[in-house]
Amino acid sequence: MKVHHLNCGTMDSPGAPTVCHVLLLETDAGLVLVDSGFGLLDCADPRRIGPSRRVIRPRFQVHETAAKQVEGLGFARSDVRHVVATHFDVDHVGGIADFPDAHIHVTAAEALGATNPPTRMEKLRFRPSQWAHGPHLVEHEPTGEKWRGFAAAKELDVIAPGIVLVSLPGHTRGHACVAVDAGHRWVLHCGDAFYYEGTLDGRSTVPWGLKWSEMLVAFDRKAVRDNHSRLAELYAHRDPNLLVVSAHDPRLLADAVSTSV
């Protein structure tokens, strides 16, 4: 399948600029988004995403929304049949309302934490306004399969072959990575399992503000640190057939764009 790497939301985050790295997949079953970034409704009314906007400071540029970029590539919004969400934070699902007929795929644990939050932290974290349009949620239990050493994974063949949901909780209750077979390589979209490349390579610097905010919002800080170690081990192999990206590192996004075919 063809993979487009999009920035669907520039943010002036504490310590460094960040992006909302979204994948747009061209499949035989239509278009698929991995995350959606901020949407048109967010741009029209920034209060929709809540108080966190004062910390992450999105620029809310309409041309960056997935809806506008899909149209800019010559497609209709209705061509987007599915959205696979790494998790339900505001900067990852703000755009789903722009694709009201799309099925929204998520882990069952994340659906629970966001739509029926068991904890006070989760009640404060998630914004029901972003799914007030009543999207069709498809919940998945990524268990029983392995993918590159990750024990809990599930191929989303209900969408198309070559899309794998990899459970990696920690940032949120049901956070997941999404692996995509782009033909010449796999792309592992890690969502917020790490923010900046320096977390994995041990050489480049991770801005202190991002380190602080990552741990501040973590559902399970130990799991986040364990995930860092697992992903760093995978990253160290430098497999030419695997591209590892996060949702927010602008350099990883630029590298992905420059090496995509």
Protein backbone atom coordinates (compact mmCIF):
# COMPACT_ATOMS: atom_id res chain seq x y z
CA MET A 1 0.00 0.00 0.00
CA LYS A 2 1.11 3.58 -0.52
CA VAL A 3 1.93 5.49 2.67
CA HIS A 4 1.79 9.27 2.97
CA HIS A 5 3.42 10.96 5.96
CA LEU A 6 1.47 14.07 7.02
CA ASN A 7 1.85 16.72 9.69
CA CYS A 8 -1.67 17.30 10.99
CA GLY A 9 -0.85 19.77 13.72
CA THR A 10 2.22 21.83 14.55
CA MET A 11 2.58 22.61 18.25
CA ASP A 12 4.86 24.97 20.15
CA SER A 13 5.26 22.46 22.96
CA PRO A 14 7.33 23.12 26.10
CA GLY A 15 11.02 23.02 25.22
CA ALA A 16 10.71 22.23 21.50
CA PRO A 17 8.36 22.30 18.51
CA THR A 18 6.37 19.14 17.89
CA VAL A 19 4.15 17.81 15.11
CA CYS A 20 1.21 15.45 14.76
CA HIS A 21 2.66 12.77 12.48
CA VAL A 22 -0.27 11.06 10.75
CA LEU A 23 -0.14 8.24 8.20
CA LEU A 24 -2.48 8.20 5.24
CA LEU A 25 -2.68 4.76 3.66
CA GLU A 26 -3.98 4.02 0.18
CA THR A 27 -5.46 0.52 0.32
CA ASP A 28 -7.71 -1.54 -1.92
CA ALA A 29 -10.48 -0.91 0.62
CA GLY A 30 -10.14 2.87 0.50
CA LEU A 31 -8.12 5.34 2.51
CA VAL A 32 -7.00 4.66 6.07
CA LEU A 33 -5.64 7.17 8.56
CA VAL A 34 -3.35 6.26 11.43
CA ASP A 35 -4.29 8.98 13.95
CA SER A 36 -5.92 12.18 12.73
CA GLY A 37 -4.20 15.10 14.43
CA PHE A 38 -6.26 18.22 15.04
CA GLY A 39 -9.41 18.75 13.02
CA LEU A 40 -11.42 21.54 11.46
CA LEU A 41 -13.63 21.90 14.53
CA ASP A 42 -10.53 22.32 16.71
CA CYS A 43 -9.31 25.10 14.43
CA ALA A 44 -12.73 26.79 14.53
CA ASP A 45 -12.98 26.60 18.31
CA PRO A 46 -9.71 25.82 20.15
CA ARG A 47 -11.62 25.56 23.44
CA ARG A 48 -12.82 22.19 22.17
CA ILE A 49 -9.56 20.52 23.17
CA GLY A 50 -9.65 21.90 26.69
CA PRO A 51 -7.03 23.48 28.97
CA SER A 52 -4.18 21.40 27.53
CA ARG A 53 -4.06 23.81 24.59
CA ARG A 54 -2.29 26.31 26.84
CA VAL A 55 0.53 23.83 27.39
CA ILE A 56 0.96 22.11 24.01
CA ARG A 57 0.06 25.36 22.14
CA PRO A 58 -1.24 24.08 18.80
CA ARG A 59 -1.12 26.55 15.93
CA PHE A 60 -4.52 25.37 14.61
CA GLN A 61 -3.71 25.84 10.93
CA VAL A 62 -6.60 24.70 8.76
CA HIS A 63 -4.33 23.63 5.91
CA GLU A 64 -2.62 21.12 8.23
CA THR A 65 -5.80 19.21 9.04
CA ALA A 66 -6.10 15.71 7.63
CA ALA A 67 -9.34 16.73 5.92
CA LYS A 68 -7.67 19.46 3.89
CA GLN A 69 -4.59 17.37 3.11
CA VAL A 70 -6.70 14.43 1.93
CA GLU A 71 -8.55 16.80 -0.39
CA GLY A 72 -5.25 18.33 -1.49
CA LEU A 73 -4.13 14.90 -2.68
CA GLY A 74 -7.19 14.68 -4.90
CA PHE A 75 -9.39 12.51 -2.68
CA ALA A 76 -12.74 13.14 -1.05
CA ARG A 77 -13.12 13.00 2.72
CA SER A 78 -15.61 10.17 2.21
CA ASP A 79 -12.77 8.10 0.74
CA VAL A 80 -11.39 7.74 4.27
CA ARG A 81 -13.08 4.53 5.40
CA HIS A 82 -11.08 3.81 8.55
CA VAL A 83 -9.06 5.62 11.22
CA VAL A 84 -6.73 3.59 13.44
CA ALA A 85 -6.05 5.54 16.63
CA THR A 86 -2.92 4.93 18.66
CA HIS A 87 -4.84 6.46 21.56
CA PHE A 88 -7.54 9.03 22.28
CA ASP A 89 -5.61 12.12 23.40
CA VAL A 90 -6.83 15.38 21.86
CA ASP A 91 -3.97 15.73 19.38
CA HIS A 92 -4.57 12.25 17.97
CA VAL A 93 -8.34 12.10 17.46
CA GLY A 94 -9.34 15.73 17.04
CA GLY A 95 -9.80 15.18 13.33
CA ILE A 96 -12.08 12.13 13.42
CA ALA A 97 -15.19 14.31 13.27
CA ASP A 98 -14.10 15.40 9.79
CA PHE A 99 -14.63 11.81 8.63
CA PRO A 100 -18.04 10.99 10.18
CA ASP A 101 -18.58 7.80 8.18
CA ALA A 102 -15.18 6.27 8.95
CA HIS A 103 -14.83 3.38 11.37
CA ILE A 104 -12.56 4.29 14.29
CA HIS A 105 -10.34 1.40 15.36
CA VAL A 106 -8.87 1.37 18.86
CA THR A 107 -7.94 -1.08 21.59
CA ALA A 108 -10.75 -2.06 23.92
CA ALA A 109 -8.71 -0.80 26.88
CA GLU A 110 -8.37 2.64 25.29
CA ALA A 111 -12.06 2.81 24.46
CA LEU A 112 -12.81 2.07 28.11
CA GLY A 113 -10.36 4.65 29.45
CA ALA A 114 -11.62 7.39 27.14
CA THR A 115 -15.35 6.81 26.80
CA ASN A 116 -16.11 5.31 30.22
CA PRO A 117 -13.16 6.49 32.33
CA PRO A 118 -12.60 4.47 35.50
CA THR A 119 -10.22 7.01 37.06
CA ARG A 120 -10.34 10.71 37.82
CA MET A 121 -7.17 11.24 35.80
CA GLU A 122 -8.81 9.78 32.70
CA LYS A 123 -11.98 11.81 33.23
CA LEU A 124 -9.88 14.96 33.16
CA ARG A 125 -7.65 13.80 30.30
CA PHE A 126 -10.07 12.90 27.53
CA ARG A 127 -12.48 15.19 25.69
CA PRO A 128 -15.85 13.58 24.87
CA SER A 129 -16.61 16.50 22.54
CA GLN A 130 -14.25 14.92 20.04
CA TRP A 131 -16.49 11.91 19.57
CA ALA A 132 -19.81 13.64 20.23
CA HIS A 133 -20.72 13.06 16.58
CA GLY A 134 -21.22 9.37 17.42
CA PRO A 135 -18.51 7.63 15.41
CA HIS A 136 -18.57 3.89 14.83
CA LEU A 137 -15.95 2.56 17.25
CA VAL A 138 -14.38 -0.81 16.50
CA GLU A 139 -12.65 -2.24 19.55
CA HIS A 140 -9.78 -4.68 19.30
CA GLU A 141 -8.00 -6.99 21.73
CA PRO A 142 -4.40 -7.31 20.44
CA THR A 143 -3.54 -10.64 22.05
CA GLY A 144 -2.18 -13.98 20.97
CA GLU A 145 0.04 -12.82 18.13
CA LYS A 146 3.60 -11.57 18.02
CA TRP A 147 5.15 -8.86 15.91
CA ARG A 148 8.94 -8.30 15.99
CA GLY A 149 9.18 -9.35 19.61
CA PHE A 150 6.03 -7.59 20.81
CA ALA A 151 3.82 -10.20 22.42
CA ALA A 152 0.41 -8.58 21.94
CA ALA A 153 -0.46 -7.70 18.35
CA LYS A 154 -3.38 -8.09 15.97
CA GLU A 155 -3.45 -7.77 12.19
CA LEU A 156 -6.39 -5.59 11.22
CA ASP A 157 -7.37 -7.69 8.23
CA VAL A 158 -10.90 -6.35 8.66
CA ILE A 159 -9.41 -3.22 7.07
CA ALA A 160 -6.63 -4.54 4.82
CA PRO A 161 -3.65 -6.89 4.99
CA GLY A 162 -0.46 -5.41 6.34
CA ILE A 163 -1.88 -3.22 9.12
CA VAL A 164 -1.01 -4.46 12.61
CA LEU A 165 -2.18 -3.03 15.93
CA VAL A 166 0.55 -3.56 18.55
CA SER A 167 -0.52 -3.13 22.17
CA LEU A 168 1.89 -0.92 24.11
CA PRO A 169 0.08 0.55 27.13
CA GLY A 170 1.76 3.06 29.39
CA HIS A 171 1.19 6.50 27.94
CA THR A 172 -2.52 5.70 28.26
CA ARG A 173 -4.41 2.65 29.47
CA GLY A 174 -4.82 1.21 25.97
CA HIS A 175 -2.11 2.91 23.94
CA ALA A 176 -1.00 1.01 20.83
CA CYS A 177 1.53 1.29 18.04
CA VAL A 178 0.50 0.69 14.44
CA ALA A 179 2.73 -1.23 12.02
CA VAL A 180 2.13 -0.79 8.30
CA ASP A 181 3.57 -2.81 5.43
CA ALA A 182 4.58 -0.20 2.86
CA GLY A 183 5.98 -2.83 0.49
CA HIS A 184 9.64 -1.79 0.52
CA ARG A 185 9.67 -1.59 4.33
CA TRP A 186 7.50 -1.65 7.42
CA VAL A 187 6.59 1.61 9.13
CA LEU A 188 6.07 1.39 12.89
CA HIS A 189 4.07 4.39 14.06
CA CYS A 190 4.70 4.43 17.80
CA GLY A 191 2.20 7.13 18.69
CA ASP A 192 3.29 8.56 22.03
CA ALA A 193 5.26 5.51 23.18
CA PHE A 194 8.19 7.92 22.81
CA TYR A 195 8.31 11.59 21.86
CA TYR A 196 11.77 12.33 20.41
CA GLU A 197 14.40 10.18 18.73
CA GLY A 198 16.90 10.84 21.53
CA THR A 199 14.83 8.59 23.78
CA LEU A 200 15.80 5.66 21.56
CA ASP A 201 19.24 6.49 20.16
CA GLY A 202 20.83 7.67 23.42
CA ARG A 203 22.80 10.31 21.53
CA SER A 204 20.58 13.19 20.52
CA THR A 205 19.00 15.40 23.15
CA VAL A 206 15.41 15.20 24.27
CA PRO A 207 14.23 18.65 25.41
CA TRP A 208 13.60 18.75 29.13
CA GLY A 209 10.07 20.06 28.65
CA LEU A 210 9.11 17.00 26.63
CA LYS A 211 10.69 14.63 29.16
CA TRP A 212 8.77 16.33 31.94
CA SER A 213 5.44 16.37 30.14
CA GLU A 214 5.77 12.76 28.97
CA MET A 215 6.05 11.49 32.52
CA LEU A 216 3.50 13.95 33.88
CA VAL A 217 0.71 12.62 31.66
CA ALA A 218 1.73 8.94 31.71
CA PHE A 219 -0.94 6.51 32.85
CA ASP A 220 1.82 4.11 33.98
CA ARG A 221 5.30 5.61 34.24
CA LYS A 222 7.08 2.30 34.74
CA ALA A 223 5.43 0.91 31.62
CA VAL A 224 6.52 4.02 29.69
CA ARG A 225 10.14 3.46 30.74
CA ASP A 226 9.91 -0.24 29.88
CA ASN A 227 8.49 0.68 26.47
CA HIS A 228 11.41 3.04 25.90
CA SER A 229 13.83 0.19 26.54
CA ARG A 230 12.02 -2.22 24.22
CA LEU A 231 11.80 0.31 21.42
CA ALA A 232 15.43 1.40 21.88
CA GLU A 233 16.52 -2.21 21.45
CA LEU A 234 14.50 -2.48 18.25
CA TYR A 235 15.81 0.86 17.01
CA ALA A 236 19.44 -0.11 17.68
CA HIS A 237 19.23 -2.89 15.09
CA ARG A 238 18.88 -0.23 12.35
CA ASP A 239 16.89 -2.65 10.22
CA PRO A 240 16.68 -1.10 6.73
CA ASN A 241 13.30 -2.79 6.29
CA LEU A 242 11.81 -1.01 9.31
CA LEU A 243 11.14 2.70 9.83
CA VAL A 244 10.36 3.68 13.43
CA VAL A 245 8.55 6.98 13.94
CA SER A 246 6.78 8.74 16.76
CA ALA A 247 3.79 11.04 16.60
CA HIS A 248 5.66 14.18 17.58
CA ASP A 249 9.31 14.30 16.44
CA PRO A 250 9.56 16.74 13.49
CA ARG A 251 12.91 15.34 12.35
CA LEU A 252 11.59 11.79 12.16
CA LEU A 253 8.66 13.10 10.15
CA ALA A 254 10.96 14.93 7.75
CA ASP A 255 13.13 11.83 7.34
CA ALA A 256 10.06 9.69 6.67
CA VAL A 257 8.83 12.09 4.00
CA SER A 258 12.22 12.26 2.32
CA THR A 259 12.61 8.47 2.15
CA SER A 260 9.05 7.53 1.21
CA VAL A 261 8.33 6.22 -2.28
